[in-house]
């Protein structure tokens, strides 16, 4: 049997009551704020319980350590985002439309979870496997749609995994530039330029009007 690494292990203390589930989620919500503001290494369980107005002993009913709530927070943020993307793109009529919707959803989502950037980036120092798993799950969400679009001739015959990571890079850094660094909405023209870049590239196409000309 393969031994599970910390990044692979799932939290086992499932709350038995609705009240317990709410308390656990409250701790996760506060942890998102605390880890985002202080960083993993400077943050403490006491910081989380005091801000959540929860007894320190209660914390251990749901999480065994600071690492465990941190890892569960990253897994939950990834899971919730992927669920939202899946719901929003379900009605898309093409993979291009699905990708456009996905970009808008991601940028809107990180505006509501601005600390996502610092929390995930810290994980490369906390647990590199956790960091890698976060991005691999996101890439996996792209692959099925990309593979289908390539098979249908909708997209060029490129390596789907390469394309997935390129798309993740574009959207992630645009979000970092406007949402994380400046804490504001990404201008619509920026989003449209990103979409044009993704689907049309940088090379000028003869016969097409150029922006600003």
C-alpha atoms as a PDB file:
ATOM      1  CA  UNK A   1       0.000   0.000   0.000  1.00  0.00           C
ATOM      2  CA  UNK A   2       1.325   3.433  -0.918  1.00  0.00           C
ATOM      3  CA  UNK A   3       1.878   5.693   2.079  1.00  0.00           C
ATOM      4  CA  UNK A   4      -0.051   8.935   1.903  1.00  0.00           C
ATOM      5  CA  UNK A   5       1.876  12.187   2.078  1.00  0.00           C
ATOM      6  CA  UNK A   6       0.504  15.082   4.173  1.00  0.00           C
ATOM      7  CA  UNK A   7      -0.757  16.778   1.003  1.00  0.00           C
ATOM      8  CA  UNK A   8      -2.737  13.679   0.006  1.00  0.00           C
ATOM      9  CA  UNK A   9      -4.350  13.010   3.375  1.00  0.00           C
ATOM     10  CA  UNK A  10      -7.900  14.205   3.890  1.00  0.00           C
ATOM     11  CA  UNK A  11      -9.277  15.605   7.125  1.00  0.00           C
ATOM     12  CA  UNK A  12     -11.038  12.833   9.081  1.00  0.00           C
ATOM     13  CA  UNK A  13     -12.853  14.779  11.822  1.00  0.00           C
ATOM     14  CA  UNK A  14     -16.139  15.248   9.993  1.00  0.00           C
ATOM     15  CA  UNK A  15     -18.601  17.222  12.155  1.00  0.00           C
ATOM     16  CA  UNK A  16     -21.572  15.163  13.338  1.00  0.00           C
ATOM     17  CA  UNK A  17     -23.969  18.117  13.594  1.00  0.00           C
ATOM     18  CA  UNK A  18     -24.975  21.168  11.565  1.00  0.00           C
ATOM     19  CA  UNK A  19     -23.650  23.394  14.346  1.00  0.00           C
ATOM     20  CA  UNK A  20     -20.332  21.570  14.226  1.00  0.00           C
ATOM     21  CA  UNK A  21     -20.114  21.991  10.450  1.00  0.00           C
ATOM     22  CA  UNK A  22     -20.747  25.732  10.829  1.00  0.00           C
ATOM     23  CA  UNK A  23     -18.060  26.048  13.500  1.00  0.00           C
ATOM     24  CA  UNK A  24     -15.564  24.177  11.347  1.00  0.00           C
ATOM     25  CA  UNK A  25     -16.348  26.390   8.350  1.00  0.00           C
ATOM     26  CA  UNK A  26     -16.045  29.501  10.511  1.00  0.00           C
ATOM     27  CA  UNK A  27     -12.549  28.399  11.523  1.00  0.00           C
ATOM     28  CA  UNK A  28     -11.632  27.882   7.861  1.00  0.00           C
ATOM     29  CA  UNK A  29     -13.010  31.293   6.883  1.00  0.00           C
ATOM     30  CA  UNK A  30     -11.006  33.002   9.613  1.00  0.00           C
ATOM     31  CA  UNK A  31      -7.920  30.952   8.753  1.00  0.00           C
ATOM     32  CA  UNK A  32      -8.139  32.327   5.207  1.00  0.00           C
ATOM     33  CA  UNK A  33      -7.899  35.848   6.627  1.00  0.00           C
ATOM     34  CA  UNK A  34      -5.188  35.041   9.178  1.00  0.00           C
ATOM     35  CA  UNK A  35      -2.910  33.101   6.829  1.00  0.00           C
ATOM     36  CA  UNK A  36      -3.415  35.744   4.152  1.00  0.00           C
ATOM     37  CA  UNK A  37      -2.479  38.592   6.512  1.00  0.00           C
ATOM     38  CA  UNK A  38       0.262  37.010   8.634  1.00  0.00           C
ATOM     39  CA  UNK A  39       1.566  34.161   6.545  1.00  0.00           C
ATOM     40  CA  UNK A  40       1.690  30.507   7.547  1.00  0.00           C
ATOM     41  CA  UNK A  41       4.802  30.647   9.691  1.00  0.00           C
ATOM     42  CA  UNK A  42       3.856  33.766  11.673  1.00  0.00           C
ATOM     43  CA  UNK A  43       0.216  32.758  12.162  1.00  0.00           C
ATOM     44  CA  UNK A  44      -0.853  30.650  15.132  1.00  0.00           C
ATOM     45  CA  UNK A  45      -3.818  28.579  16.197  1.00  0.00           C
ATOM     46  CA  UNK A  46      -4.486  31.191  18.881  1.00  0.00           C
ATOM     47  CA  UNK A  47      -4.725  33.889  16.184  1.00  0.00           C
ATOM     48  CA  UNK A  48      -7.387  31.827  14.425  1.00  0.00           C
ATOM     49  CA  UNK A  49      -9.422  30.870  17.498  1.00  0.00           C
ATOM     50  CA  UNK A  50      -9.390  34.371  18.973  1.00  0.00           C
ATOM     51  CA  UNK A  51     -10.518  35.988  15.734  1.00  0.00           C
ATOM     52  CA  UNK A  52     -13.175  33.296  15.287  1.00  0.00           C
ATOM     53  CA  UNK A  53     -14.240  33.715  18.925  1.00  0.00           C
ATOM     54  CA  UNK A  54     -13.851  29.978  19.423  1.00  0.00           C
ATOM     55  CA  UNK A  55     -12.183  28.227  22.362  1.00  0.00           C
ATOM     56  CA  UNK A  56      -8.770  26.795  21.555  1.00  0.00           C
ATOM     57  CA  UNK A  57      -9.933  23.364  22.715  1.00  0.00           C
ATOM     58  CA  UNK A  58     -12.782  23.527  20.211  1.00  0.00           C
ATOM     59  CA  UNK A  59     -10.270  23.958  17.400  1.00  0.00           C
ATOM     60  CA  UNK A  60      -8.893  20.487  18.087  1.00  0.00           C
ATOM     61  CA  UNK A  61     -12.352  18.975  17.651  1.00  0.00           C
ATOM     62  CA  UNK A  62     -11.961  19.727  13.960  1.00  0.00           C
ATOM     63  CA  UNK A  63      -8.246  20.033  13.177  1.00  0.00           C
ATOM     64  CA  UNK A  64      -5.201  18.392  14.691  1.00  0.00           C
ATOM     65  CA  UNK A  65      -2.711  21.162  13.900  1.00  0.00           C
ATOM     66  CA  UNK A  66      -2.050  24.462  12.167  1.00  0.00           C
ATOM     67  CA  UNK A  67      -0.780  22.539   9.158  1.00  0.00           C
ATOM     68  CA  UNK A  68      -3.988  20.541   8.905  1.00  0.00           C
ATOM     69  CA  UNK A  69      -6.306  23.558   8.785  1.00  0.00           C
ATOM     70  CA  UNK A  70      -3.949  25.237   6.315  1.00  0.00           C
ATOM     71  CA  UNK A  71      -3.895  22.207   4.011  1.00  0.00           C
ATOM     72  CA  UNK A  72      -7.667  21.778   4.276  1.00  0.00           C
ATOM     73  CA  UNK A  73      -8.138  25.474   3.478  1.00  0.00           C
ATOM     74  CA  UNK A  74      -6.137  25.148   0.258  1.00  0.00           C
ATOM     75  CA  UNK A  75      -8.033  21.991  -0.724  1.00  0.00           C
ATOM     76  CA  UNK A  76     -11.359  23.695  -0.025  1.00  0.00           C
ATOM     77  CA  UNK A  77     -10.483  26.856  -1.967  1.00  0.00           C
ATOM     78  CA  UNK A  78      -9.437  24.717  -4.929  1.00  0.00           C
ATOM     79  CA  UNK A  79     -12.525  22.518  -4.692  1.00  0.00           C
ATOM     80  CA  UNK A  80     -14.991  25.418  -4.346  1.00  0.00           C
ATOM     81  CA  UNK A  81     -13.456  27.275  -7.269  1.00  0.00           C
ATOM     82  CA  UNK A  82     -13.536  24.228  -9.531  1.00  0.00           C
ATOM     83  CA  UNK A  83     -17.178  23.564  -8.627  1.00  0.00           C
ATOM     84  CA  UNK A  84     -18.121  27.147  -9.466  1.00  0.00           C
ATOM     85  CA  UNK A  85     -16.290  27.013 -12.788  1.00  0.00           C
ATOM     86  CA  UNK A  86     -18.002  23.726 -13.680  1.00  0.00           C
ATOM     87  CA  UNK A  87     -21.429  25.178 -12.941  1.00  0.00           C
ATOM     88  CA  UNK A  88     -20.831  28.361 -14.927  1.00  0.00           C
ATOM     89  CA  UNK A  89     -19.430  26.713 -18.054  1.00  0.00           C
ATOM     90  CA  UNK A  90     -22.057  23.950 -18.170  1.00  0.00           C
ATOM     91  CA  UNK A  91     -24.178  25.877 -20.676  1.00  0.00           C
ATOM     92  CA  UNK A  92     -21.300  26.943 -22.939  1.00  0.00           C
ATOM     93  CA  UNK A  93     -21.875  26.042 -26.593  1.00  0.00           C
ATOM     94  CA  UNK A  94     -18.184  25.698 -27.450  1.00  0.00           C
ATOM     95  CA  UNK A  95     -14.886  25.196 -25.680  1.00  0.00           C
ATOM     96  CA  UNK A  96     -13.863  28.723 -26.622  1.00  0.00           C
ATOM     97  CA  UNK A  97     -16.957  30.070 -24.899  1.00  0.00           C
ATOM     98  CA  UNK A  98     -16.249  27.830 -21.905  1.00  0.00           C
ATOM     99  CA  UNK A  99     -12.711  29.195 -21.613  1.00  0.00           C
ATOM    100  CA  UNK A 100     -13.927  32.793 -21.876  1.00  0.00           C
ATOM    101  CA  UNK A 101     -16.471  32.154 -19.129  1.00  0.00           C
ATOM    102  CA  UNK A 102     -13.773  30.474 -17.066  1.00  0.00           C
ATOM    103  CA  UNK A 103     -11.519  33.537 -17.251  1.00  0.00           C
ATOM    104  CA  UNK A 104     -14.318  35.825 -16.064  1.00  0.00           C
ATOM    105  CA  UNK A 105     -15.278  33.448 -13.262  1.00  0.00           C
ATOM    106  CA  UNK A 106     -11.685  33.092 -12.058  1.00  0.00           C
ATOM    107  CA  UNK A 107     -11.099  36.850 -11.913  1.00  0.00           C
ATOM    108  CA  UNK A 108     -14.384  37.394 -10.106  1.00  0.00           C
ATOM    109  CA  UNK A 109     -13.642  34.539  -7.716  1.00  0.00           C
ATOM    110  CA  UNK A 110     -10.175  35.771  -6.728  1.00  0.00           C
ATOM    111  CA  UNK A 111     -11.640  39.243  -6.103  1.00  0.00           C
ATOM    112  CA  UNK A 112     -13.712  37.590  -3.364  1.00  0.00           C
ATOM    113  CA  UNK A 113     -10.765  35.463  -2.186  1.00  0.00           C
ATOM    114  CA  UNK A 114      -7.871  37.878  -2.589  1.00  0.00           C
ATOM    115  CA  UNK A 115      -5.744  36.038  -0.007  1.00  0.00           C
ATOM    116  CA  UNK A 116      -5.690  32.977  -2.273  1.00  0.00           C
ATOM    117  CA  UNK A 117      -2.492  34.219  -3.901  1.00  0.00           C
ATOM    118  CA  UNK A 118      -0.398  34.567  -0.767  1.00  0.00           C
ATOM    119  CA  UNK A 119      -1.834  31.410   0.828  1.00  0.00           C
ATOM    120  CA  UNK A 120      -1.059  29.198  -2.164  1.00  0.00           C
ATOM    121  CA  UNK A 121       2.374  30.716  -2.810  1.00  0.00           C
ATOM    122  CA  UNK A 122       3.383  30.109   0.812  1.00  0.00           C
ATOM    123  CA  UNK A 123       2.600  26.427   0.399  1.00  0.00           C
ATOM    124  CA  UNK A 124       5.682  25.901  -1.760  1.00  0.00           C
ATOM    125  CA  UNK A 125       7.680  26.418   1.454  1.00  0.00           C
ATOM    126  CA  UNK A 126       5.230  24.690   3.791  1.00  0.00           C
ATOM    127  CA  UNK A 127       4.669  21.536   1.722  1.00  0.00           C
ATOM    128  CA  UNK A 128       5.769  21.433  -1.903  1.00  0.00           C
ATOM    129  CA  UNK A 129       3.461  18.477  -2.605  1.00  0.00           C
ATOM    130  CA  UNK A 130       0.491  20.523  -1.425  1.00  0.00           C
ATOM    131  CA  UNK A 131       1.546  23.357  -3.730  1.00  0.00           C
ATOM    132  CA  UNK A 132       1.938  21.014  -6.677  1.00  0.00           C
ATOM    133  CA  UNK A 133      -1.365  19.233  -6.000  1.00  0.00           C
ATOM    134  CA  UNK A 134      -3.221  22.558  -6.033  1.00  0.00           C
ATOM    135  CA  UNK A 135      -2.077  23.392  -9.563  1.00  0.00           C
ATOM    136  CA  UNK A 136      -2.367  19.839 -10.849  1.00  0.00           C
ATOM    137  CA  UNK A 137      -6.040  19.773  -9.833  1.00  0.00           C
ATOM    138  CA  UNK A 138      -6.649  23.048 -11.646  1.00  0.00           C
ATOM    139  CA  UNK A 139      -4.884  21.780 -14.762  1.00  0.00           C
ATOM    140  CA  UNK A 140      -6.932  18.589 -14.665  1.00  0.00           C
ATOM    141  CA  UNK A 141     -10.071  20.700 -14.859  1.00  0.00           C
ATOM    142  CA  UNK A 142      -8.913  22.084 -18.211  1.00  0.00           C
ATOM    143  CA  UNK A 143      -7.739  18.863 -19.814  1.00  0.00           C
ATOM    144  CA  UNK A 144     -11.008  17.115 -20.675  1.00  0.00           C
ATOM    145  CA  UNK A 145     -12.424  20.181 -22.417  1.00  0.00           C
ATOM    146  CA  UNK A 146      -9.187  20.880 -24.276  1.00  0.00           C
ATOM    147  CA  UNK A 147      -8.843  17.278 -25.422  1.00  0.00           C
ATOM    148  CA  UNK A 148     -12.414  17.276 -26.694  1.00  0.00           C
ATOM    149  CA  UNK A 149     -11.934  20.565 -28.543  1.00  0.00           C
ATOM    150  CA  UNK A 150      -8.774  19.247 -30.201  1.00  0.00           C
ATOM    151  CA  UNK A 151     -10.536  16.037 -31.274  1.00  0.00           C
ATOM    152  CA  UNK A 152     -13.391  18.050 -32.793  1.00  0.00           C
ATOM    153  CA  UNK A 153     -10.941  20.261 -34.681  1.00  0.00           C
ATOM    154  CA  UNK A 154     -12.037  23.307 -32.682  1.00  0.00           C
ATOM    155  CA  UNK A 155      -8.493  23.909 -31.421  1.00  0.00           C
ATOM    156  CA  UNK A 156      -5.073  23.238 -32.933  1.00  0.00           C
ATOM    157  CA  UNK A 157      -3.469  19.879 -32.215  1.00  0.00           C
ATOM    158  CA  UNK A 158      -1.292  21.062 -29.302  1.00  0.00           C
ATOM    159  CA  UNK A 159      -0.363  19.265 -26.105  1.00  0.00           C
ATOM    160  CA  UNK A 160      -3.426  19.795 -23.858  1.00  0.00           C
ATOM    161  CA  UNK A 161      -1.376  19.899 -20.668  1.00  0.00           C
ATOM    162  CA  UNK A 162       0.923  22.569 -22.102  1.00  0.00           C
ATOM    163  CA  UNK A 163      -2.099  24.643 -23.112  1.00  0.00           C
ATOM    164  CA  UNK A 164      -3.717  24.158 -19.685  1.00  0.00           C
ATOM    165  CA  UNK A 165      -0.696  25.564 -17.861  1.00  0.00           C
ATOM    166  CA  UNK A 166      -0.419  28.449 -20.333  1.00  0.00           C
ATOM    167  CA  UNK A 167      -4.046  29.376 -19.694  1.00  0.00           C
ATOM    168  CA  UNK A 168      -3.545  29.123 -15.938  1.00  0.00           C
ATOM    169  CA  UNK A 169      -0.516  31.391 -16.191  1.00  0.00           C
ATOM    170  CA  UNK A 170      -2.340  34.083 -18.168  1.00  0.00           C
ATOM    171  CA  UNK A 171      -5.351  34.283 -15.861  1.00  0.00           C
ATOM    172  CA  UNK A 172      -3.348  33.912 -12.657  1.00  0.00           C
ATOM    173  CA  UNK A 173      -0.953  36.765 -13.395  1.00  0.00           C
ATOM    174  CA  UNK A 174      -3.676  39.100 -14.630  1.00  0.00           C
ATOM    175  CA  UNK A 175      -5.501  38.483 -11.372  1.00  0.00           C
ATOM    176  CA  UNK A 176      -2.293  39.074  -9.422  1.00  0.00           C
ATOM    177  CA  UNK A 177      -1.605  42.361 -11.215  1.00  0.00           C
ATOM    178  CA  UNK A 178      -4.998  43.956 -10.623  1.00  0.00           C
ATOM    179  CA  UNK A 179      -6.734  42.024  -7.846  1.00  0.00           C
ATOM    180  CA  UNK A 180      -3.902  41.068  -5.493  1.00  0.00           C
ATOM    181  CA  UNK A 181      -1.554  44.005  -5.975  1.00  0.00           C
ATOM    182  CA  UNK A 182      -4.175  46.764  -6.355  1.00  0.00           C
ATOM    183  CA  UNK A 183      -7.293  45.180  -4.834  1.00  0.00           C
ATOM    184  CA  UNK A 184      -9.631  46.292  -7.604  1.00  0.00           C
ATOM    185  CA  UNK A 185     -11.661  44.920 -10.484  1.00  0.00           C
ATOM    186  CA  UNK A 186      -9.761  43.843 -13.578  1.00  0.00           C
ATOM    187  CA  UNK A 187     -10.627  46.369 -16.326  1.00  0.00           C
ATOM    188  CA  UNK A 188     -12.821  44.865 -19.032  1.00  0.00           C
ATOM    189  CA  UNK A 189     -10.372  45.877 -21.765  1.00  0.00           C
ATOM    190  CA  UNK A 190      -7.673  43.861 -19.997  1.00  0.00           C
ATOM    191  CA  UNK A 191      -9.889  40.790 -19.970  1.00  0.00           C
ATOM    192  CA  UNK A 192     -10.756  41.263 -23.633  1.00  0.00           C
ATOM    193  CA  UNK A 193      -7.087  41.698 -24.586  1.00  0.00           C
ATOM    194  CA  UNK A 194      -6.252  38.502 -22.705  1.00  0.00           C
ATOM    195  CA  UNK A 195      -8.970  36.617 -24.557  1.00  0.00           C
ATOM    196  CA  UNK A 196      -7.774  38.010 -27.898  1.00  0.00           C
ATOM    197  CA  UNK A 197      -4.196  37.019 -27.051  1.00  0.00           C
ATOM    198  CA  UNK A 198      -5.267  33.467 -26.111  1.00  0.00           C
ATOM    199  CA  UNK A 199      -7.339  32.843 -29.217  1.00  0.00           C
ATOM    200  CA  UNK A 200      -5.594  34.975 -31.833  1.00  0.00           C
ATOM    201  CA  UNK A 201      -2.011  35.270 -30.586  1.00  0.00           C
ATOM    202  CA  UNK A 202       0.394  38.169 -31.081  1.00  0.00           C
ATOM    203  CA  UNK A 203       1.037  37.899 -34.819  1.00  0.00           C
ATOM    204  CA  UNK A 204      -0.853  40.440 -36.888  1.00  0.00           C
ATOM    205  CA  UNK A 205      -3.331  38.906 -39.283  1.00  0.00           C
ATOM    206  CA  UNK A 206      -3.420  40.524 -42.704  1.00  0.00           C
ATOM    207  CA  UNK A 207      -6.707  42.189 -43.496  1.00  0.00           C
ATOM    208  CA  UNK A 208      -7.764  42.606 -39.877  1.00  0.00           C
ATOM    209  CA  UNK A 209      -8.041  45.978 -38.195  1.00  0.00           C
ATOM    210  CA  UNK A 210      -5.488  46.465 -35.450  1.00  0.00           C
ATOM    211  CA  UNK A 211      -6.277  47.991 -32.082  1.00  0.00           C
ATOM    212  CA  UNK A 212      -5.541  51.681 -32.086  1.00  0.00           C
ATOM    213  CA  UNK A 213      -5.276  51.939 -35.857  1.00  0.00           C
END
